[in-house]
Amino acid sequence: MIALLLALGSSLAYGCADFLGGLGARRAHVLRTVLIAAPASLAVELVMWPVLGAEFSAGAIGWGAASGAASAGAFALLYRTLAIGPMNVLSPVTALVSAALPVAVGLLQGEQLGAAGLVGLPLALLAVVLVSAGSANGRARVTRLALLLAFGAGGAIAVQLVCLHQAPAGSGIAPLIVGRAVTSALTLTAAALLRRRLGPERPAYRLAAAAGVLDSMASVLFLLAARSGDLTVVAVITALYPAGTVLLARAVLAERIHRGQLAGLGAAAVAVGLLALA
């Protein structure tokens, strides 16, 4: 039950982070947004270090660095995706892809579910699909490039989550600290190499920093959830984060929520209840 609650918290934080990061990337080049978001995430984890502890073993450093490299790609691809297309379609597509690999890894590692879990798991995956059932409005159509970026972002997120799960259980938040340091370094390097293409726009500092803080909180909650529960369940619950993005996009950007998405939100609520019983 604790793992489920932590995964729900991670899902909510990820959804809010994606929304704010997508808004920030609409105002300036995506790298300018990530340049602020990634260090903000690292700062949060450094503050949490004395509370949650950190053991920098070889496994923690290795898996943390791998997760950081994937996170750098996820940051850039996801924020760019949400900047060029309707959030209420592309965010759920990314989530569906990001859930598939961790679920497969969990099953291959021998995780098993009870009867309620066997019903709740596919229902949760269906909920992600239904939430993505909305079509773009007349002002913003989904392009092939946006879909490709969404699939790429989902794959990068999946790799990041799997790497965090593989890190030693007794390493505290060391994998996250190493990962954020790698993400920040890669982002700074990319920005230096592409500085002439970044454009003169000033980044939305508050939006980007808030996105980074929320993303860091989401990662911490996911790590704690994955260590106290099955990756198969935790990954799927976390993948429901588009619900938060969709609702925020509706409230702030007036993006329409379609009937299929409403059905998906309902299915998600039922799935969470079944997985709690499992």
C-alpha atoms as a PDB file:
ATOM      1  CA  MET A   1       0.000   0.000   0.000  1.00  0.00           C
ATOM      2  CA  ILE A   2       2.867   2.362   0.818  1.00  0.00           C
ATOM      3  CA  ALA A   3       4.448   1.681  -2.566  1.00  0.00           C
ATOM      4  CA  LEU A   4       1.147   2.480  -4.263  1.00  0.00           C
ATOM      5  CA  LEU A   5       0.793   5.810  -2.457  1.00  0.00           C
ATOM      6  CA  LEU A   6       4.392   6.738  -3.264  1.00  0.00           C
ATOM      7  CA  ALA A   7       3.820   5.849  -6.929  1.00  0.00           C
ATOM      8  CA  LEU A   8       0.670   7.996  -7.002  1.00  0.00           C
ATOM      9  CA  GLY A   9       2.633  10.899  -5.549  1.00  0.00           C
ATOM     10  CA  SER A  10       5.323  10.358  -8.164  1.00  0.00           C
ATOM     11  CA  SER A  11       2.698  10.294 -10.900  1.00  0.00           C
ATOM     12  CA  LEU A  12       1.167  13.572  -9.741  1.00  0.00           C
ATOM     13  CA  ALA A  13       4.546  15.292  -9.478  1.00  0.00           C
ATOM     14  CA  TYR A  14       5.632  14.065 -12.913  1.00  0.00           C
ATOM     15  CA  GLY A  15       2.390  15.299 -14.470  1.00  0.00           C
ATOM     16  CA  CYS A  16       2.797  18.791 -13.004  1.00  0.00           C
ATOM     17  CA  ALA A  17       6.487  18.889 -13.943  1.00  0.00           C
ATOM     18  CA  ASP A  18       5.728  17.974 -17.549  1.00  0.00           C
ATOM     19  CA  PHE A  19       3.094  20.656 -17.828  1.00  0.00           C
ATOM     20  CA  LEU A  20       5.346  23.389 -16.462  1.00  0.00           C
ATOM     21  CA  GLY A  21       8.331  22.197 -18.486  1.00  0.00           C
ATOM     22  CA  GLY A  22       6.259  22.129 -21.658  1.00  0.00           C
ATOM     23  CA  LEU A  23       5.083  25.681 -21.049  1.00  0.00           C
ATOM     24  CA  GLY A  24       8.646  26.807 -20.429  1.00  0.00           C
ATOM     25  CA  ALA A  25       9.849  25.204 -23.661  1.00  0.00           C
ATOM     26  CA  ARG A  26       7.222  27.164 -25.585  1.00  0.00           C
ATOM     27  CA  ARG A  27       8.830  30.428 -24.502  1.00  0.00           C
ATOM     28  CA  ALA A  28      12.473  29.609 -25.231  1.00  0.00           C
ATOM     29  CA  HIS A  29      14.644  26.871 -26.749  1.00  0.00           C
ATOM     30  CA  VAL A  30      14.184  23.567 -24.957  1.00  0.00           C
ATOM     31  CA  LEU A  31      17.862  23.471 -23.948  1.00  0.00           C
ATOM     32  CA  ARG A  32      17.483  26.791 -22.156  1.00  0.00           C
ATOM     33  CA  THR A  33      14.633  25.274 -20.162  1.00  0.00           C
ATOM     34  CA  VAL A  34      16.577  22.111 -19.315  1.00  0.00           C
ATOM     35  CA  LEU A  35      19.617  24.179 -18.338  1.00  0.00           C
ATOM     36  CA  ILE A  36      17.533  25.505 -15.456  1.00  0.00           C
ATOM     37  CA  ALA A  37      15.409  22.438 -14.706  1.00  0.00           C
ATOM     38  CA  ALA A  38      18.273  19.932 -14.373  1.00  0.00           C
ATOM     39  CA  PRO A  39      20.373  21.907 -11.854  1.00  0.00           C
ATOM     40  CA  ALA A  40      17.196  22.723  -9.902  1.00  0.00           C
ATOM     41  CA  SER A  41      16.538  18.979  -9.650  1.00  0.00           C
ATOM     42  CA  LEU A  42      20.081  18.344  -8.464  1.00  0.00           C
ATOM     43  CA  ALA A  43      19.765  21.049  -5.812  1.00  0.00           C
ATOM     44  CA  VAL A  44      16.632  19.407  -4.389  1.00  0.00           C
ATOM     45  CA  GLU A  45      18.336  16.023  -4.139  1.00  0.00           C
ATOM     46  CA  LEU A  46      21.383  17.520  -2.445  1.00  0.00           C
ATOM     47  CA  VAL A  47      19.056  19.049   0.148  1.00  0.00           C
ATOM     48  CA  MET A  48      17.455  15.620   0.680  1.00  0.00           C
ATOM     49  CA  TRP A  49      20.831  13.903   1.066  1.00  0.00           C
ATOM     50  CA  PRO A  50      21.097  14.320   4.876  1.00  0.00           C
ATOM     51  CA  VAL A  51      17.533  13.079   5.307  1.00  0.00           C
ATOM     52  CA  LEU A  52      17.494  10.041   3.004  1.00  0.00           C
ATOM     53  CA  GLY A  53      21.199   9.236   3.016  1.00  0.00           C
ATOM     54  CA  ALA A  54      23.438   8.231   0.127  1.00  0.00           C
ATOM     55  CA  GLU A  55      25.939   5.402  -0.363  1.00  0.00           C
ATOM     56  CA  PHE A  56      28.102   5.968  -3.439  1.00  0.00           C
ATOM     57  CA  SER A  57      28.973   2.375  -4.297  1.00  0.00           C
ATOM     58  CA  ALA A  58      30.063   1.285  -7.760  1.00  0.00           C
ATOM     59  CA  GLY A  59      26.555   0.042  -8.521  1.00  0.00           C
ATOM     60  CA  ALA A  60      24.934   3.264  -7.373  1.00  0.00           C
ATOM     61  CA  ILE A  61      27.322   5.367  -9.452  1.00  0.00           C
ATOM     62  CA  GLY A  62      27.027   3.185 -12.545  1.00  0.00           C
ATOM     63  CA  TRP A  63      23.254   2.861 -12.586  1.00  0.00           C
ATOM     64  CA  GLY A  64      22.874   6.470 -11.498  1.00  0.00           C
ATOM     65  CA  ALA A  65      25.046   7.704 -14.365  1.00  0.00           C
ATOM     66  CA  ALA A  66      23.064   5.593 -16.838  1.00  0.00           C
ATOM     67  CA  SER A  67      19.799   6.979 -15.496  1.00  0.00           C
ATOM     68  CA  GLY A  68      21.203  10.505 -15.765  1.00  0.00           C
ATOM     69  CA  ALA A  69      22.130  10.051 -19.413  1.00  0.00           C
ATOM     70  CA  ALA A  70      18.625   8.754 -20.130  1.00  0.00           C
ATOM     71  CA  SER A  71      17.133  11.597 -18.090  1.00  0.00           C
ATOM     72  CA  ALA A  72      18.967  14.193 -20.175  1.00  0.00           C
ATOM     73  CA  GLY A  73      17.389  12.758 -23.302  1.00  0.00           C
ATOM     74  CA  ALA A  74      14.013  12.489 -21.610  1.00  0.00           C
ATOM     75  CA  PHE A  75      14.102  16.123 -20.459  1.00  0.00           C
ATOM     76  CA  ALA A  76      14.944  17.469 -23.906  1.00  0.00           C
ATOM     77  CA  LEU A  77      12.647  15.177 -25.900  1.00  0.00           C
ATOM     78  CA  LEU A  78       9.677  15.499 -23.564  1.00  0.00           C
ATOM     79  CA  TYR A  79       9.753  19.267 -23.184  1.00  0.00           C
ATOM     80  CA  ARG A  80      10.242  19.679 -26.938  1.00  0.00           C
ATOM     81  CA  THR A  81       7.356  17.276 -27.548  1.00  0.00           C
ATOM     82  CA  LEU A  82       4.995  19.183 -25.270  1.00  0.00           C
ATOM     83  CA  ALA A  83       6.122  22.482 -26.762  1.00  0.00           C
ATOM     84  CA  ILE A  84       5.213  21.654 -30.388  1.00  0.00           C
ATOM     85  CA  GLY A  85       2.024  19.641 -29.927  1.00  0.00           C
ATOM     86  CA  PRO A  86      -1.134  19.426 -27.798  1.00  0.00           C
ATOM     87  CA  MET A  87      -0.251  18.264 -24.311  1.00  0.00           C
ATOM     88  CA  ASN A  88      -3.477  16.300 -23.912  1.00  0.00           C
ATOM     89  CA  VAL A  89      -2.411  13.873 -26.657  1.00  0.00           C
ATOM     90  CA  LEU A  90       1.376  13.697 -26.609  1.00  0.00           C
ATOM     91  CA  SER A  91       1.905  13.367 -22.855  1.00  0.00           C
ATOM     92  CA  PRO A  92      -0.199  10.167 -22.643  1.00  0.00           C
ATOM     93  CA  VAL A  93       1.590   8.670 -25.664  1.00  0.00           C
ATOM     94  CA  THR A  94       4.892   9.221 -23.892  1.00  0.00           C
ATOM     95  CA  ALA A  95       3.515   7.655 -20.714  1.00  0.00           C
ATOM     96  CA  LEU A  96       2.319   4.515 -22.476  1.00  0.00           C
ATOM     97  CA  VAL A  97       5.747   3.924 -23.980  1.00  0.00           C
ATOM     98  CA  SER A  98       7.469   4.680 -20.674  1.00  0.00           C
ATOM     99  CA  ALA A  99       5.382   2.014 -18.895  1.00  0.00           C
ATOM    100  CA  ALA A 100       6.032  -0.833 -21.317  1.00  0.00           C
ATOM    101  CA  LEU A 101       9.737  -1.466 -20.663  1.00  0.00           C
ATOM    102  CA  PRO A 102       9.626  -1.350 -16.826  1.00  0.00           C
ATOM    103  CA  VAL A 103       6.631  -3.694 -16.822  1.00  0.00           C
ATOM    104  CA  ALA A 104       8.490  -6.142 -19.069  1.00  0.00           C
ATOM    105  CA  VAL A 105      11.589  -5.964 -16.862  1.00  0.00           C
ATOM    106  CA  GLY A 106       9.543  -6.582 -13.734  1.00  0.00           C
ATOM    107  CA  LEU A 107       7.832  -9.613 -15.221  1.00  0.00           C
ATOM    108  CA  LEU A 108      11.121 -11.032 -16.512  1.00  0.00           C
ATOM    109  CA  GLN A 109      12.590 -10.675 -13.024  1.00  0.00           C
ATOM    110  CA  GLY A 110       9.849 -12.919 -11.677  1.00  0.00           C
ATOM    111  CA  GLU A 111       7.412 -10.448 -10.131  1.00  0.00           C
ATOM    112  CA  GLN A 112       3.941 -11.933  -9.674  1.00  0.00           C
ATOM    113  CA  LEU A 113       0.505 -10.448  -9.094  1.00  0.00           C
ATOM    114  CA  GLY A 114      -2.636 -11.708  -7.400  1.00  0.00           C
ATOM    115  CA  ALA A 115      -6.041 -11.890  -9.067  1.00  0.00           C
ATOM    116  CA  ALA A 116      -6.814  -8.220  -8.431  1.00  0.00           C
ATOM    117  CA  GLY A 117      -3.428  -7.237  -9.808  1.00  0.00           C
ATOM    118  CA  LEU A 118      -3.903  -9.323 -12.941  1.00  0.00           C
ATOM    119  CA  VAL A 119      -7.057  -7.306 -13.652  1.00  0.00           C
ATOM    120  CA  GLY A 120      -5.751  -3.953 -12.421  1.00  0.00           C
ATOM    121  CA  LEU A 121      -2.489  -3.986 -14.380  1.00  0.00           C
ATOM    122  CA  PRO A 122      -3.975  -4.273 -17.878  1.00  0.00           C
ATOM    123  CA  LEU A 123      -6.776  -1.906 -16.854  1.00  0.00           C
ATOM    124  CA  ALA A 124      -4.174   0.679 -15.862  1.00  0.00           C
ATOM    125  CA  LEU A 125      -2.443   0.273 -19.232  1.00  0.00           C
ATOM    126  CA  LEU A 126      -5.815   0.637 -20.929  1.00  0.00           C
ATOM    127  CA  ALA A 127      -6.409   3.799 -18.911  1.00  0.00           C
ATOM    128  CA  VAL A 128      -3.211   5.302 -20.296  1.00  0.00           C
ATOM    129  CA  VAL A 129      -4.384   4.455 -23.827  1.00  0.00           C
ATOM    130  CA  LEU A 130      -7.821   5.962 -23.216  1.00  0.00           C
ATOM    131  CA  VAL A 131      -6.381   9.130 -21.764  1.00  0.00           C
ATOM    132  CA  SER A 132      -4.452   9.480 -25.032  1.00  0.00           C
ATOM    133  CA  ALA A 133      -7.619   8.973 -27.085  1.00  0.00           C
ATOM    134  CA  GLY A 134      -8.270  12.702 -27.453  1.00  0.00           C
ATOM    135  CA  SER A 135      -7.673  14.251 -30.839  1.00  0.00           C
ATOM    136  CA  ALA A 136      -5.965  17.564 -31.365  1.00  0.00           C
ATOM    137  CA  ASN A 137      -8.123  20.629 -31.714  1.00  0.00           C
ATOM    138  CA  GLY A 138      -8.324  22.612 -34.903  1.00  0.00           C
ATOM    139  CA  ARG A 139      -5.546  24.965 -33.859  1.00  0.00           C
ATOM    140  CA  ALA A 140      -2.937  22.330 -32.996  1.00  0.00           C
ATOM    141  CA  ARG A 141      -2.610  19.103 -34.948  1.00  0.00           C
ATOM    142  CA  VAL A 142      -0.351  16.226 -33.989  1.00  0.00           C
ATOM    143  CA  THR A 143       2.511  15.984 -36.469  1.00  0.00           C
ATOM    144  CA  ARG A 144       4.629  12.954 -37.272  1.00  0.00           C
ATOM    145  CA  LEU A 145       7.648  14.673 -35.724  1.00  0.00           C
ATOM    146  CA  ALA A 146       5.748  15.284 -32.490  1.00  0.00           C
ATOM    147  CA  LEU A 147       4.730  11.622 -32.284  1.00  0.00           C
ATOM    148  CA  LEU A 148       8.288  10.443 -32.942  1.00  0.00           C
ATOM    149  CA  LEU A 149       9.559  12.755 -30.217  1.00  0.00           C
ATOM    150  CA  ALA A 150       6.860  11.445 -27.861  1.00  0.00           C
ATOM    151  CA  PHE A 151       7.934   7.838 -28.476  1.00  0.00           C
ATOM    152  CA  GLY A 152      11.586   8.796 -27.987  1.00  0.00           C
ATOM    153  CA  ALA A 153      10.800  10.610 -24.748  1.00  0.00           C
ATOM    154  CA  GLY A 154       8.845   7.606 -23.473  1.00  0.00           C
ATOM    155  CA  GLY A 155      11.726   5.261 -24.249  1.00  0.00           C
ATOM    156  CA  ALA A 156      14.205   7.529 -22.466  1.00  0.00           C
ATOM    157  CA  ILE A 157      11.960   7.767 -19.398  1.00  0.00           C
ATOM    158  CA  ALA A 158      11.594   3.976 -19.339  1.00  0.00           C
ATOM    159  CA  VAL A 159      15.353   3.468 -19.390  1.00  0.00           C
ATOM    160  CA  GLN A 160      15.762   6.035 -16.626  1.00  0.00           C
ATOM    161  CA  LEU A 161      13.221   4.281 -14.381  1.00  0.00           C
ATOM    162  CA  VAL A 162      14.676   0.825 -14.980  1.00  0.00           C
ATOM    163  CA  CYS A 163      18.195   2.048 -14.180  1.00  0.00           C
ATOM    164  CA  LEU A 164      17.004   3.623 -10.933  1.00  0.00           C
ATOM    165  CA  HIS A 165      15.273   0.371  -9.988  1.00  0.00           C
ATOM    166  CA  GLN A 166      18.452  -1.627 -10.674  1.00  0.00           C
ATOM    167  CA  ALA A 167      20.563   0.544  -8.367  1.00  0.00           C
ATOM    168  CA  PRO A 168      21.473  -1.053  -4.990  1.00  0.00           C
ATOM    169  CA  ALA A 169      18.636  -0.804  -2.486  1.00  0.00           C
ATOM    170  CA  GLY A 170      20.918   0.465   0.275  1.00  0.00           C
ATOM    171  CA  SER A 171      22.362   3.328  -1.753  1.00  0.00           C
ATOM    172  CA  GLY A 172      19.813   5.928  -0.611  1.00  0.00           C
ATOM    173  CA  ILE A 173      19.436   8.712  -3.148  1.00  0.00           C
ATOM    174  CA  ALA A 174      23.022   8.391  -4.412  1.00  0.00           C
ATOM    175  CA  PRO A 175      21.826   7.151  -7.841  1.00  0.00           C
ATOM    176  CA  LEU A 176      19.622  10.238  -8.189  1.00  0.00           C
ATOM    177  CA  ILE A 177      22.405  12.632  -7.193  1.00  0.00           C
ATOM    178  CA  VAL A 178      24.822  11.032  -9.654  1.00  0.00           C
ATOM    179  CA  GLY A 179      22.126  10.958 -12.307  1.00  0.00           C
ATOM    180  CA  ARG A 180      21.242  14.631 -11.962  1.00  0.00           C
ATOM    181  CA  ALA A 181      24.905  15.591 -12.025  1.00  0.00           C
ATOM    182  CA  VAL A 182      25.323  13.671 -15.298  1.00  0.00           C
ATOM    183  CA  THR A 183      22.149  15.217 -16.705  1.00  0.00           C
ATOM    184  CA  SER A 184      23.337  18.717 -15.840  1.00  0.00           C
ATOM    185  CA  ALA A 185      26.787  18.088 -17.319  1.00  0.00           C
ATOM    186  CA  LEU A 186      25.369  16.698 -20.571  1.00  0.00           C
ATOM    187  CA  THR A 187      22.942  19.590 -20.854  1.00  0.00           C
ATOM    188  CA  LEU A 188      25.659  22.174 -20.301  1.00  0.00           C
ATOM    189  CA  THR A 189      27.835  20.470 -22.914  1.00  0.00           C
ATOM    190  CA  ALA A 190      25.009  20.389 -25.450  1.00  0.00           C
ATOM    191  CA  ALA A 191      24.180  24.040 -24.791  1.00  0.00           C
ATOM    192  CA  ALA A 192      27.820  25.039 -25.283  1.00  0.00           C
ATOM    193  CA  LEU A 193      28.017  23.164 -28.582  1.00  0.00           C
ATOM    194  CA  LEU A 194      24.703  24.567 -29.842  1.00  0.00           C
ATOM    195  CA  ARG A 195      24.904  28.034 -28.302  1.00  0.00           C
ATOM    196  CA  ARG A 196      24.498  29.745 -31.697  1.00  0.00           C
ATOM    197  CA  ARG A 197      21.210  27.930 -32.302  1.00  0.00           C
ATOM    198  CA  LEU A 198      19.604  28.637 -28.950  1.00  0.00           C
ATOM    199  CA  GLY A 199      18.206  31.986 -30.001  1.00  0.00           C
ATOM    200  CA  PRO A 200      18.004  35.212 -28.005  1.00  0.00           C
ATOM    201  CA  GLU A 201      14.898  34.301 -25.990  1.00  0.00           C
ATOM    202  CA  ARG A 202      15.141  34.446 -22.237  1.00  0.00           C
ATOM    203  CA  PRO A 203      13.985  31.226 -20.603  1.00  0.00           C
ATOM    204  CA  ALA A 204      10.985  31.135 -18.289  1.00  0.00           C
ATOM    205  CA  TYR A 205      13.096  30.811 -15.149  1.00  0.00           C
ATOM    206  CA  ARG A 206      10.299  30.157 -12.684  1.00  0.00           C
ATOM    207  CA  LEU A 207       8.527  27.603 -14.878  1.00  0.00           C
ATOM    208  CA  ALA A 208      11.739  25.739 -15.641  1.00  0.00           C
ATOM    209  CA  ALA A 209      12.929  25.728 -12.033  1.00  0.00           C
ATOM    210  CA  ALA A 210       9.532  24.566 -10.767  1.00  0.00           C
ATOM    211  CA  ALA A 211       9.504  21.796 -13.375  1.00  0.00           C
ATOM    212  CA  GLY A 212      12.935  20.665 -12.215  1.00  0.00           C
ATOM    213  CA  VAL A 213      11.957  20.660  -8.546  1.00  0.00           C
ATOM    214  CA  LEU A 214       8.793  18.663  -9.219  1.00  0.00           C
ATOM    215  CA  ASP A 215      10.644  16.221 -11.467  1.00  0.00           C
ATOM    216  CA  SER A 216      13.184  15.637  -8.702  1.00  0.00           C
ATOM    217  CA  MET A 217      10.445  15.002  -6.147  1.00  0.00           C
ATOM    218  CA  ALA A 218       8.774  12.594  -8.571  1.00  0.00           C
ATOM    219  CA  SER A 219      12.022  10.675  -9.063  1.00  0.00           C
ATOM    220  CA  VAL A 220      12.614  10.385  -5.325  1.00  0.00           C
ATOM    221  CA  LEU A 221       9.082   9.095  -4.768  1.00  0.00           C
ATOM    222  CA  PHE A 222       9.462   6.597  -7.630  1.00  0.00           C
ATOM    223  CA  LEU A 223      12.751   5.315  -6.228  1.00  0.00           C
ATOM    224  CA  LEU A 224      11.211   4.801  -2.785  1.00  0.00           C
ATOM    225  CA  ALA A 225       8.138   3.154  -4.313  1.00  0.00           C
ATOM    226  CA  ALA A 226      10.190   0.784  -6.479  1.00  0.00           C
ATOM    227  CA  ARG A 227      12.213  -0.285  -3.444  1.00  0.00           C
ATOM    228  CA  SER A 228       9.121  -1.056  -1.378  1.00  0.00           C
ATOM    229  CA  GLY A 229       6.956  -2.651  -4.084  1.00  0.00           C
ATOM    230  CA  ASP A 230       6.963  -4.402  -7.445  1.00  0.00           C
ATOM    231  CA  LEU A 231       8.377  -2.499 -10.418  1.00  0.00           C
ATOM    232  CA  THR A 232       5.524  -3.849 -12.550  1.00  0.00           C
ATOM    233  CA  VAL A 233       2.892  -2.086 -10.442  1.00  0.00           C
ATOM    234  CA  VAL A 234       4.891   1.003  -9.537  1.00  0.00           C
ATOM    235  CA  ALA A 235       5.824   1.748 -13.153  1.00  0.00           C
ATOM    236  CA  VAL A 236       2.224   1.508 -14.361  1.00  0.00           C
ATOM    237  CA  ILE A 237       0.885   3.723 -11.569  1.00  0.00           C
ATOM    238  CA  THR A 238       3.626   6.257 -12.239  1.00  0.00           C
ATOM    239  CA  ALA A 239       2.745   6.151 -15.945  1.00  0.00           C
ATOM    240  CA  LEU A 240      -0.682   7.567 -15.104  1.00  0.00           C
ATOM    241  CA  TYR A 241       0.949  11.002 -14.737  1.00  0.00           C
ATOM    242  CA  PRO A 242      -0.678  12.318 -17.968  1.00  0.00           C
ATOM    243  CA  ALA A 243      -3.920  12.625 -16.023  1.00  0.00           C
ATOM    244  CA  GLY A 244      -2.405  15.566 -14.150  1.00  0.00           C
ATOM    245  CA  THR A 245      -0.967  17.057 -17.336  1.00  0.00           C
ATOM    246  CA  VAL A 246      -4.282  16.715 -19.172  1.00  0.00           C
ATOM    247  CA  LEU A 247      -6.264  18.349 -16.360  1.00  0.00           C
ATOM    248  CA  LEU A 248      -3.788  21.215 -16.067  1.00  0.00           C
ATOM    249  CA  ALA A 249      -3.791  21.698 -19.839  1.00  0.00           C
ATOM    250  CA  ARG A 250      -7.585  21.877 -19.699  1.00  0.00           C
ATOM    251  CA  ALA A 251      -7.632  24.373 -16.825  1.00  0.00           C
ATOM    252  CA  VAL A 252      -4.810  26.639 -17.997  1.00  0.00           C
ATOM    253  CA  LEU A 253      -4.671  26.239 -21.794  1.00  0.00           C
ATOM    254  CA  ALA A 254      -8.339  25.361 -22.410  1.00  0.00           C
ATOM    255  CA  GLU A 255      -7.336  22.170 -24.235  1.00  0.00           C
ATOM    256  CA  ARG A 256     -10.427  20.033 -24.661  1.00  0.00           C
ATOM    257  CA  ILE A 257     -10.830  16.771 -22.734  1.00  0.00           C
ATOM    258  CA  HIS A 258     -12.584  14.196 -24.917  1.00  0.00           C
ATOM    259  CA  ARG A 259     -14.934  11.446 -23.805  1.00  0.00           C
ATOM    260  CA  GLY A 260     -12.289   8.795 -24.258  1.00  0.00           C
ATOM    261  CA  GLN A 261      -9.976  10.670 -21.929  1.00  0.00           C
ATOM    262  CA  LEU A 262     -12.697  10.980 -19.306  1.00  0.00           C
ATOM    263  CA  ALA A 263     -13.242   7.231 -19.563  1.00  0.00           C
ATOM    264  CA  GLY A 264      -9.506   6.787 -19.140  1.00  0.00           C
ATOM    265  CA  LEU A 265      -9.499   8.838 -15.960  1.00  0.00           C
ATOM    266  CA  GLY A 266     -12.286   6.662 -14.589  1.00  0.00           C
ATOM    267  CA  ALA A 267     -10.486   3.474 -15.596  1.00  0.00           C
ATOM    268  CA  ALA A 268      -7.351   4.762 -13.906  1.00  0.00           C
ATOM    269  CA  ALA A 269      -9.221   5.255 -10.626  1.00  0.00           C
ATOM    270  CA  VAL A 270     -10.585   1.691 -10.754  1.00  0.00           C
ATOM    271  CA  ALA A 271      -7.163   0.290 -11.673  1.00  0.00           C
ATOM    272  CA  VAL A 272      -5.510   2.015  -8.743  1.00  0.00           C
ATOM    273  CA  GLY A 273      -8.111   0.501  -6.407  1.00  0.00           C
ATOM    274  CA  LEU A 274      -7.530  -3.004  -7.791  1.00  0.00           C
ATOM    275  CA  LEU A 275      -3.761  -2.658  -7.556  1.00  0.00           C
ATOM    276  CA  ALA A 276      -4.148  -1.486  -3.960  1.00  0.00           C
ATOM    277  CA  LEU A 277      -6.009  -4.719  -3.207  1.00  0.00           C
ATOM    278  CA  ALA A 278      -3.258  -6.678  -4.923  1.00  0.00           C
END
